[in-house]
Amino acid sequence: MNGSVENARLKFSVVMPVHNEERNLRFSLPSLFNLGPDEVVFVLDNCTDGSRQLIEHYVKEINYSGNIKFLRVQSIPKDWNYRVAYLFRLGYRAVRNDAILTTAADIIMDQDVRKYIEEFGKNNVKIVSFGLKPYPLDRVYFARKLISVILPRSTFSGVFLFSRKAWLENEKEEDAKKVYRAQDTLMFRSIRRRYPARHYWTKSLHLRSRTNESNYYYTRGQVSYQVTKRSSLFVFLSSIVYLHPKMFVGYRHAKQMKIKRVSL
């Protein structure tokens, strides 16, 4: 497709924060532009390497006819707890299309995602997430797939396609400012309250492997308290399924510290 949007049934924008990702962009850019976006917004977060130059060279090489936008960020407002939450939302406000695909520089997109993009909006669905495979595979991936069978409504991924209008209608900015992690989960739950949502497992690859499972599950526990507002019993049972008690520890610590919860 070489970045052409001629055959796309839906015009969509992509938002991708980038922080010194020159190495990963060599792998992720081809898969992204082959999906046929009408626009790509790169949020350059204190980039000091050749990320922008590589992007500019690539879009010129493929003769991309859509819109490319670069947003440079050095610091974020003090009332935002989570930098990533701010970066993404800055990008969302800068796009020209209602349909927005979020991704990251270390993700190689499965081309089967195109068929879901083309179907977006049917049955009033306003947000669709795409499951990822970590590279290399780890036990977190298999545990999440198991959970998705048991609790399909709770399954979500940080790579997703959504309606900008539905986002602006449903997510409260004060909630986005509160979160310390899981800004994507906040959006998913905000939109899902009013509109149907979908999740599809894909072969998209996440190139940045998890280096510390304990920290990962500890953070998930905190998110379970602040964002998803799970019960103690639910998180305890989840920590058993995931074979990681750190998840329950993170939940308990967040509760003890009385971290401000979102309003959902």
C-alpha atoms as a PDB file:
ATOM      1  CA  MET A   1       0.000   0.000   0.000  1.00  0.00           C
ATOM      2  CA  ASN A   2       3.023   2.270   0.535  1.00  0.00           C
ATOM      3  CA  GLY A   3       1.185   4.689   2.768  1.00  0.00           C
ATOM      4  CA  SER A   4      -1.587   5.429   0.269  1.00  0.00           C
ATOM      5  CA  VAL A   5      -5.046   6.158   1.628  1.00  0.00           C
ATOM      6  CA  GLU A   6      -6.777   5.725  -1.725  1.00  0.00           C
ATOM      7  CA  ASN A   7      -8.391   2.387  -0.858  1.00  0.00           C
ATOM      8  CA  ALA A   8      -9.169   3.120   2.783  1.00  0.00           C
ATOM      9  CA  ARG A   9     -12.872   3.103   3.636  1.00  0.00           C
ATOM     10  CA  LEU A  10     -12.301   5.249   6.678  1.00  0.00           C
ATOM     11  CA  LYS A  11     -10.044   8.250   7.062  1.00  0.00           C
ATOM     12  CA  PHE A  12      -8.222   7.957  10.339  1.00  0.00           C
ATOM     13  CA  SER A  13      -5.394   9.697  12.145  1.00  0.00           C
ATOM     14  CA  VAL A  14      -2.597   8.067  14.131  1.00  0.00           C
ATOM     15  CA  VAL A  15      -1.084   9.478  17.323  1.00  0.00           C
ATOM     16  CA  MET A  16       2.346   8.191  18.344  1.00  0.00           C
ATOM     17  CA  PRO A  17       4.470   9.652  21.159  1.00  0.00           C
ATOM     18  CA  VAL A  18       8.192   9.285  20.426  1.00  0.00           C
ATOM     19  CA  HIS A  19      11.129   9.525  22.826  1.00  0.00           C
ATOM     20  CA  ASN A  20      14.478   8.633  21.257  1.00  0.00           C
ATOM     21  CA  GLU A  21      13.066   5.708  19.285  1.00  0.00           C
ATOM     22  CA  GLU A  22      15.314   5.841  16.215  1.00  0.00           C
ATOM     23  CA  ARG A  23      16.150   2.146  16.469  1.00  0.00           C
ATOM     24  CA  ASN A  24      12.573   0.874  16.903  1.00  0.00           C
ATOM     25  CA  LEU A  25      11.089   3.204  14.282  1.00  0.00           C
ATOM     26  CA  ARG A  26      13.016   1.361  11.580  1.00  0.00           C
ATOM     27  CA  PHE A  27      10.798  -1.643  12.292  1.00  0.00           C
ATOM     28  CA  SER A  28       7.499  -0.001  13.241  1.00  0.00           C
ATOM     29  CA  LEU A  29       7.056   2.697  10.586  1.00  0.00           C
ATOM     30  CA  PRO A  30       6.503   0.363   7.587  1.00  0.00           C
ATOM     31  CA  SER A  31       3.778  -1.596   9.375  1.00  0.00           C
ATOM     32  CA  LEU A  32       2.082   1.616  10.491  1.00  0.00           C
ATOM     33  CA  PHE A  33       1.981   3.357   7.118  1.00  0.00           C
ATOM     34  CA  ASN A  34       0.880   0.163   5.364  1.00  0.00           C
ATOM     35  CA  LEU A  35      -2.396   0.474   7.288  1.00  0.00           C
ATOM     36  CA  GLY A  36      -3.195   3.546   5.169  1.00  0.00           C
ATOM     37  CA  PRO A  37      -3.589   6.405   7.664  1.00  0.00           C
ATOM     38  CA  ASP A  38      -4.807   9.756   6.369  1.00  0.00           C
ATOM     39  CA  GLU A  39      -2.681  11.521   8.972  1.00  0.00           C
ATOM     40  CA  VAL A  40       0.062  10.691  11.475  1.00  0.00           C
ATOM     41  CA  VAL A  41       0.805  12.930  14.449  1.00  0.00           C
ATOM     42  CA  PHE A  42       4.165  12.310  16.109  1.00  0.00           C
ATOM     43  CA  VAL A  43       4.465  13.756  19.616  1.00  0.00           C
ATOM     44  CA  LEU A  44       8.219  14.237  20.049  1.00  0.00           C
ATOM     45  CA  ASP A  45       8.932  13.940  23.763  1.00  0.00           C
ATOM     46  CA  ASN A  46      12.360  15.475  24.449  1.00  0.00           C
ATOM     47  CA  CYS A  47      13.868  13.669  21.469  1.00  0.00           C
ATOM     48  CA  THR A  48      17.641  14.063  21.221  1.00  0.00           C
ATOM     49  CA  ASP A  49      18.363  11.375  18.629  1.00  0.00           C
ATOM     50  CA  GLY A  50      17.536  11.150  14.931  1.00  0.00           C
ATOM     51  CA  SER A  51      13.903  10.020  15.325  1.00  0.00           C
ATOM     52  CA  ARG A  52      12.396  12.978  13.479  1.00  0.00           C
ATOM     53  CA  GLN A  53      14.942  12.830  10.665  1.00  0.00           C
ATOM     54  CA  LEU A  54      14.297   9.115  10.210  1.00  0.00           C
ATOM     55  CA  ILE A  55      10.526   9.693  10.033  1.00  0.00           C
ATOM     56  CA  GLU A  56      10.906  12.516   7.520  1.00  0.00           C
ATOM     57  CA  HIS A  57      13.205  10.402   5.367  1.00  0.00           C
ATOM     58  CA  TYR A  58      10.801   7.449   5.439  1.00  0.00           C
ATOM     59  CA  VAL A  59       7.650   9.374   4.480  1.00  0.00           C
ATOM     60  CA  LYS A  60       9.561  10.979   1.620  1.00  0.00           C
ATOM     61  CA  GLU A  61      10.869   7.597   0.492  1.00  0.00           C
ATOM     62  CA  ILE A  62       7.376   6.073   0.286  1.00  0.00           C
ATOM     63  CA  ASN A  63       5.894   9.238  -1.223  1.00  0.00           C
ATOM     64  CA  TYR A  64       3.284   9.456   1.521  1.00  0.00           C
ATOM     65  CA  SER A  65       0.416  11.707   0.430  1.00  0.00           C
ATOM     66  CA  GLY A  66      -1.303  12.169   3.791  1.00  0.00           C
ATOM     67  CA  ASN A  67      -0.677  14.717   6.517  1.00  0.00           C
ATOM     68  CA  ILE A  68       2.337  14.515   8.838  1.00  0.00           C
ATOM     69  CA  LYS A  69       2.463  16.614  11.975  1.00  0.00           C
ATOM     70  CA  PHE A  70       5.190  16.930  14.617  1.00  0.00           C
ATOM     71  CA  LEU A  71       4.435  18.229  18.116  1.00  0.00           C
ATOM     72  CA  ARG A  72       7.478  18.984  20.259  1.00  0.00           C
ATOM     73  CA  VAL A  73       7.194  18.608  24.035  1.00  0.00           C
ATOM     74  CA  GLN A  74       9.846  19.426  26.615  1.00  0.00           C
ATOM     75  CA  SER A  75       7.866  19.825  29.821  1.00  0.00           C
ATOM     76  CA  ILE A  76       4.274  19.143  30.790  1.00  0.00           C
ATOM     77  CA  PRO A  77       1.873  21.111  33.022  1.00  0.00           C
ATOM     78  CA  LYS A  78       2.415  20.485  36.732  1.00  0.00           C
ATOM     79  CA  ASP A  79      -1.162  19.377  37.311  1.00  0.00           C
ATOM     80  CA  TRP A  80      -0.664  16.235  35.195  1.00  0.00           C
ATOM     81  CA  ASN A  81       0.611  13.203  37.158  1.00  0.00           C
ATOM     82  CA  TYR A  82       1.370  10.960  34.191  1.00  0.00           C
ATOM     83  CA  ARG A  83       3.452  12.288  31.317  1.00  0.00           C
ATOM     84  CA  VAL A  84       2.170   9.719  28.817  1.00  0.00           C
ATOM     85  CA  ALA A  85      -1.445  10.712  29.515  1.00  0.00           C
ATOM     86  CA  TYR A  86      -0.620  14.310  28.614  1.00  0.00           C
ATOM     87  CA  LEU A  87       1.371  13.420  25.495  1.00  0.00           C
ATOM     88  CA  PHE A  88      -1.385  11.309  23.991  1.00  0.00           C
ATOM     89  CA  ARG A  89      -4.116  13.841  24.702  1.00  0.00           C
ATOM     90  CA  LEU A  90      -2.049  16.616  23.201  1.00  0.00           C
ATOM     91  CA  GLY A  91      -1.931  14.536  20.037  1.00  0.00           C
ATOM     92  CA  TYR A  92      -5.652  13.730  20.125  1.00  0.00           C
ATOM     93  CA  ARG A  93      -6.519  17.420  20.127  1.00  0.00           C
ATOM     94  CA  ALA A  94      -4.272  18.082  17.123  1.00  0.00           C
ATOM     95  CA  VAL A  95      -5.742  15.552  14.667  1.00  0.00           C
ATOM     96  CA  ARG A  96      -8.049  16.325  11.747  1.00  0.00           C
ATOM     97  CA  ASN A  97     -10.136  13.112  11.768  1.00  0.00           C
ATOM     98  CA  ASP A  98     -12.649  11.719  14.231  1.00  0.00           C
ATOM     99  CA  ALA A  99     -11.214   8.183  14.067  1.00  0.00           C
ATOM    100  CA  ILE A 100      -7.871   7.971  15.886  1.00  0.00           C
ATOM    101  CA  LEU A 101      -5.495   5.012  16.150  1.00  0.00           C
ATOM    102  CA  THR A 102      -3.039   5.053  19.046  1.00  0.00           C
ATOM    103  CA  THR A 103       0.231   3.174  18.903  1.00  0.00           C
ATOM    104  CA  ALA A 104       3.856   3.366  20.009  1.00  0.00           C
ATOM    105  CA  ALA A 105       7.213   3.434  18.272  1.00  0.00           C
ATOM    106  CA  ASP A 106       8.092  -0.034  19.563  1.00  0.00           C
ATOM    107  CA  ILE A 107       5.039  -1.788  18.093  1.00  0.00           C
ATOM    108  CA  ILE A 108       4.914  -3.585  14.745  1.00  0.00           C
ATOM    109  CA  MET A 109       1.291  -3.518  13.625  1.00  0.00           C
ATOM    110  CA  ASP A 110      -0.404  -6.662  12.332  1.00  0.00           C
ATOM    111  CA  GLN A 111      -1.831  -5.868   8.881  1.00  0.00           C
ATOM    112  CA  ASP A 112      -5.059  -7.700   9.759  1.00  0.00           C
ATOM    113  CA  VAL A 113      -5.874  -4.617  11.831  1.00  0.00           C
ATOM    114  CA  ARG A 114      -6.943  -2.998   8.546  1.00  0.00           C
ATOM    115  CA  LYS A 115     -10.143  -5.033   8.372  1.00  0.00           C
ATOM    116  CA  TYR A 116     -11.137  -3.838  11.839  1.00  0.00           C
ATOM    117  CA  ILE A 117     -10.380  -0.248  10.868  1.00  0.00           C
ATOM    118  CA  GLU A 118     -12.617  -0.569   7.819  1.00  0.00           C
ATOM    119  CA  GLU A 119     -15.440  -1.893  10.001  1.00  0.00           C
ATOM    120  CA  PHE A 120     -15.045   0.775  12.686  1.00  0.00           C
ATOM    121  CA  GLY A 121     -18.271   2.525  13.624  1.00  0.00           C
ATOM    122  CA  LYS A 122     -20.602  -0.350  12.771  1.00  0.00           C
ATOM    123  CA  ASN A 123     -23.179  -1.101  15.464  1.00  0.00           C
ATOM    124  CA  ASN A 124     -22.232   2.241  17.056  1.00  0.00           C
ATOM    125  CA  VAL A 125     -18.891   0.867  18.314  1.00  0.00           C
ATOM    126  CA  LYS A 126     -16.705   3.824  19.329  1.00  0.00           C
ATOM    127  CA  ILE A 127     -13.566   2.129  20.628  1.00  0.00           C
ATOM    128  CA  VAL A 128     -11.720  -1.016  19.522  1.00  0.00           C
ATOM    129  CA  SER A 129      -8.501  -2.312  21.056  1.00  0.00           C
ATOM    130  CA  PHE A 130      -5.954  -4.675  19.532  1.00  0.00           C
ATOM    131  CA  GLY A 131      -4.136  -7.260  21.614  1.00  0.00           C
ATOM    132  CA  LEU A 132      -0.344  -7.455  21.304  1.00  0.00           C
ATOM    133  CA  LYS A 133       2.240 -10.208  21.425  1.00  0.00           C
ATOM    134  CA  PRO A 134       5.334  -9.364  23.457  1.00  0.00           C
ATOM    135  CA  TYR A 135       8.670 -10.201  21.907  1.00  0.00           C
ATOM    136  CA  PRO A 136       9.838 -12.519  23.265  1.00  0.00           C
ATOM    137  CA  LEU A 137       6.657 -14.149  24.571  1.00  0.00           C
ATOM    138  CA  ASP A 138       6.218 -14.129  28.334  1.00  0.00           C
ATOM    139  CA  ARG A 139       3.775 -15.607  30.824  1.00  0.00           C
ATOM    140  CA  VAL A 140       1.936 -12.282  31.194  1.00  0.00           C
ATOM    141  CA  TYR A 141       0.686 -12.665  27.621  1.00  0.00           C
ATOM    142  CA  PHE A 142      -0.771 -16.127  28.253  1.00  0.00           C
ATOM    143  CA  ALA A 143      -2.294 -15.052  31.564  1.00  0.00           C
ATOM    144  CA  ARG A 144      -3.997 -12.091  29.885  1.00  0.00           C
ATOM    145  CA  LYS A 145      -5.414 -14.323  27.159  1.00  0.00           C
ATOM    146  CA  LEU A 146      -6.803 -16.616  29.839  1.00  0.00           C
ATOM    147  CA  ILE A 147      -8.384 -13.677  31.665  1.00  0.00           C
ATOM    148  CA  SER A 148      -9.912 -12.460  28.384  1.00  0.00           C
ATOM    149  CA  VAL A 149     -11.795 -15.754  28.100  1.00  0.00           C
ATOM    150  CA  ILE A 150     -13.057 -15.563  31.681  1.00  0.00           C
ATOM    151  CA  LEU A 151     -13.763 -11.801  31.712  1.00  0.00           C
ATOM    152  CA  PRO A 152     -14.036 -10.587  28.112  1.00  0.00           C
ATOM    153  CA  ARG A 153     -15.336  -7.135  29.059  1.00  0.00           C
ATOM    154  CA  SER A 154     -12.211  -6.389  31.091  1.00  0.00           C
ATOM    155  CA  THR A 155      -9.811  -7.086  28.214  1.00  0.00           C
ATOM    156  CA  PHE A 156      -8.114  -4.064  26.711  1.00  0.00           C
ATOM    157  CA  SER A 157      -4.863  -3.056  25.055  1.00  0.00           C
ATOM    158  CA  GLY A 158      -2.971   0.235  24.805  1.00  0.00           C
ATOM    159  CA  VAL A 159      -3.196   0.060  21.003  1.00  0.00           C
ATOM    160  CA  PHE A 160      -6.706   1.096  20.035  1.00  0.00           C
ATOM    161  CA  LEU A 161      -8.932   2.906  17.553  1.00  0.00           C
ATOM    162  CA  PHE A 162     -11.499   5.314  18.935  1.00  0.00           C
ATOM    163  CA  SER A 163     -13.831   8.192  18.142  1.00  0.00           C
ATOM    164  CA  ARG A 164     -12.460  11.593  19.128  1.00  0.00           C
ATOM    165  CA  LYS A 165     -15.991  12.891  19.598  1.00  0.00           C
ATOM    166  CA  ALA A 166     -16.866  10.018  21.952  1.00  0.00           C
ATOM    167  CA  TRP A 167     -13.678  10.692  23.922  1.00  0.00           C
ATOM    168  CA  LEU A 168     -14.455  14.394  24.349  1.00  0.00           C
ATOM    169  CA  GLU A 169     -18.027  13.553  25.366  1.00  0.00           C
ATOM    170  CA  ASN A 170     -17.120  11.043  28.049  1.00  0.00           C
ATOM    171  CA  GLU A 171     -13.654  11.418  29.545  1.00  0.00           C
ATOM    172  CA  LYS A 172     -13.166  14.065  32.216  1.00  0.00           C
ATOM    173  CA  GLU A 173      -9.867  15.907  31.971  1.00  0.00           C
ATOM    174  CA  GLU A 174      -9.497  16.000  35.759  1.00  0.00           C
ATOM    175  CA  ASP A 175      -9.516  12.186  35.727  1.00  0.00           C
ATOM    176  CA  ALA A 176      -6.817  12.102  33.039  1.00  0.00           C
ATOM    177  CA  LYS A 177      -4.717  14.436  35.182  1.00  0.00           C
ATOM    178  CA  LYS A 178      -5.098  12.208  38.263  1.00  0.00           C
ATOM    179  CA  VAL A 179      -3.883   8.892  36.886  1.00  0.00           C
ATOM    180  CA  TYR A 180      -0.341   7.664  37.501  1.00  0.00           C
ATOM    181  CA  ARG A 181      -0.660   4.842  34.971  1.00  0.00           C
ATOM    182  CA  ALA A 182      -3.249   3.237  32.668  1.00  0.00           C
ATOM    183  CA  GLN A 183      -4.333   6.395  30.877  1.00  0.00           C
ATOM    184  CA  ASP A 184      -5.568   4.123  28.080  1.00  0.00           C
ATOM    185  CA  THR A 185      -7.738   2.104  30.455  1.00  0.00           C
ATOM    186  CA  LEU A 186      -9.294   5.335  31.688  1.00  0.00           C
ATOM    187  CA  MET A 187     -10.305   6.272  28.154  1.00  0.00           C
ATOM    188  CA  PHE A 188     -11.605   2.790  27.382  1.00  0.00           C
ATOM    189  CA  ARG A 189     -13.814   2.719  30.448  1.00  0.00           C
ATOM    190  CA  SER A 190     -15.001   6.292  29.885  1.00  0.00           C
ATOM    191  CA  ILE A 191     -16.185   5.587  26.345  1.00  0.00           C
ATOM    192  CA  ARG A 192     -17.521   2.116  27.139  1.00  0.00           C
ATOM    193  CA  ARG A 193     -19.982   3.555  29.646  1.00  0.00           C
ATOM    194  CA  ARG A 194     -22.018   4.981  26.766  1.00  0.00           C
ATOM    195  CA  TYR A 195     -20.953   3.114  23.629  1.00  0.00           C
ATOM    196  CA  PRO A 196     -20.192  -0.491  22.646  1.00  0.00           C
ATOM    197  CA  ALA A 197     -16.515  -1.497  22.711  1.00  0.00           C
ATOM    198  CA  ARG A 198     -14.572  -4.358  21.141  1.00  0.00           C
ATOM    199  CA  HIS A 199     -11.245  -6.107  21.667  1.00  0.00           C
ATOM    200  CA  TYR A 200      -9.448  -8.298  19.125  1.00  0.00           C
ATOM    201  CA  TRP A 201      -6.314 -10.325  19.666  1.00  0.00           C
ATOM    202  CA  THR A 202      -3.839  -9.677  16.842  1.00  0.00           C
ATOM    203  CA  LYS A 203      -0.297 -10.631  15.897  1.00  0.00           C
ATOM    204  CA  SER A 204       0.991  -7.104  16.454  1.00  0.00           C
ATOM    205  CA  LEU A 205       4.403  -7.298  18.141  1.00  0.00           C
ATOM    206  CA  HIS A 206       5.568  -5.275  21.127  1.00  0.00           C
ATOM    207  CA  LEU A 207       9.342  -5.049  20.752  1.00  0.00           C
ATOM    208  CA  ARG A 208      10.088  -3.735  24.233  1.00  0.00           C
ATOM    209  CA  SER A 209       9.952  -6.711  26.575  1.00  0.00           C
ATOM    210  CA  ARG A 210       8.962  -6.467  30.217  1.00  0.00           C
ATOM    211  CA  THR A 211      12.188  -6.300  32.202  1.00  0.00           C
ATOM    212  CA  ASN A 212      10.638  -6.438  35.660  1.00  0.00           C
ATOM    213  CA  GLU A 213       7.466  -8.462  36.171  1.00  0.00           C
ATOM    214  CA  SER A 214       7.229  -7.509  39.848  1.00  0.00           C
ATOM    215  CA  ASN A 215       7.031  -3.800  39.031  1.00  0.00           C
ATOM    216  CA  TYR A 216       4.550  -4.512  36.238  1.00  0.00           C
ATOM    217  CA  TYR A 217       2.143  -6.362  38.517  1.00  0.00           C
ATOM    218  CA  TYR A 218       2.617  -3.902  41.369  1.00  0.00           C
ATOM    219  CA  THR A 219       1.537  -1.127  38.996  1.00  0.00           C
ATOM    220  CA  ARG A 220      -1.424  -3.175  37.779  1.00  0.00           C
ATOM    221  CA  GLY A 221      -2.523  -3.491  41.386  1.00  0.00           C
ATOM    222  CA  GLN A 222      -2.412   0.277  41.846  1.00  0.00           C
ATOM    223  CA  VAL A 223      -4.401   0.746  38.651  1.00  0.00           C
ATOM    224  CA  SER A 224      -6.986  -1.728  39.951  1.00  0.00           C
ATOM    225  CA  TYR A 225      -7.539   0.610  42.886  1.00  0.00           C
ATOM    226  CA  GLN A 226      -7.341   4.040  41.235  1.00  0.00           C
ATOM    227  CA  VAL A 227      -8.767   3.538  37.740  1.00  0.00           C
ATOM    228  CA  THR A 228     -10.778   0.327  37.460  1.00  0.00           C
ATOM    229  CA  LYS A 229     -11.902   0.400  41.120  1.00  0.00           C
ATOM    230  CA  ARG A 230     -11.828  -3.345  41.610  1.00  0.00           C
ATOM    231  CA  SER A 231     -12.743  -4.962  44.903  1.00  0.00           C
ATOM    232  CA  SER A 232     -10.073  -6.414  47.180  1.00  0.00           C
ATOM    233  CA  LEU A 233     -11.410  -9.910  46.503  1.00  0.00           C
ATOM    234  CA  PHE A 234     -11.238  -9.426  42.726  1.00  0.00           C
ATOM    235  CA  VAL A 235      -7.622  -8.241  42.853  1.00  0.00           C
ATOM    236  CA  PHE A 236      -6.660 -11.010  45.263  1.00  0.00           C
ATOM    237  CA  LEU A 237      -8.099 -13.662  42.950  1.00  0.00           C
ATOM    238  CA  SER A 238      -6.485 -12.000  39.925  1.00  0.00           C
ATOM    239  CA  SER A 239      -3.095 -12.108  41.629  1.00  0.00           C
ATOM    240  CA  ILE A 240      -3.576 -15.861  42.057  1.00  0.00           C
ATOM    241  CA  VAL A 241      -4.478 -16.320  38.382  1.00  0.00           C
ATOM    242  CA  TYR A 242      -1.448 -14.275  37.316  1.00  0.00           C
ATOM    243  CA  LEU A 243       0.729 -16.101  39.877  1.00  0.00           C
ATOM    244  CA  HIS A 244       2.003 -12.786  41.174  1.00  0.00           C
ATOM    245  CA  PRO A 245       1.203 -11.533  44.720  1.00  0.00           C
ATOM    246  CA  LYS A 246       2.767  -8.146  43.905  1.00  0.00           C
ATOM    247  CA  MET A 247      -0.487  -7.225  42.189  1.00  0.00           C
ATOM    248  CA  PHE A 248      -2.388  -7.423  45.467  1.00  0.00           C
ATOM    249  CA  VAL A 249       0.446  -5.612  47.272  1.00  0.00           C
ATOM    250  CA  GLY A 250       0.213  -2.702  44.823  1.00  0.00           C
ATOM    251  CA  TYR A 251      -3.547  -2.544  45.344  1.00  0.00           C
ATOM    252  CA  ARG A 252      -3.207  -2.495  49.131  1.00  0.00           C
ATOM    253  CA  HIS A 253      -0.522   0.195  49.048  1.00  0.00           C
ATOM    254  CA  ALA A 254      -2.616   2.428  46.787  1.00  0.00           C
ATOM    255  CA  LYS A 255      -5.540   2.020  49.163  1.00  0.00           C
ATOM    256  CA  GLN A 256      -3.400   2.791  52.217  1.00  0.00           C
ATOM    257  CA  MET A 257      -1.912   5.886  50.563  1.00  0.00           C
ATOM    258  CA  LYS A 258      -5.439   7.036  49.672  1.00  0.00           C
ATOM    259  CA  ILE A 259      -4.506   7.796  46.077  1.00  0.00           C
ATOM    260  CA  LYS A 260      -7.246   9.892  44.491  1.00  0.00           C
ATOM    261  CA  ARG A 261      -9.507   7.690  42.410  1.00  0.00           C
ATOM    262  CA  VAL A 262     -11.056   8.645  39.100  1.00  0.00           C
ATOM    263  CA  SER A 263     -14.724   9.589  39.007  1.00  0.00           C
ATOM    264  CA  LEU A 264     -15.910   6.714  36.791  1.00  0.00           C
END
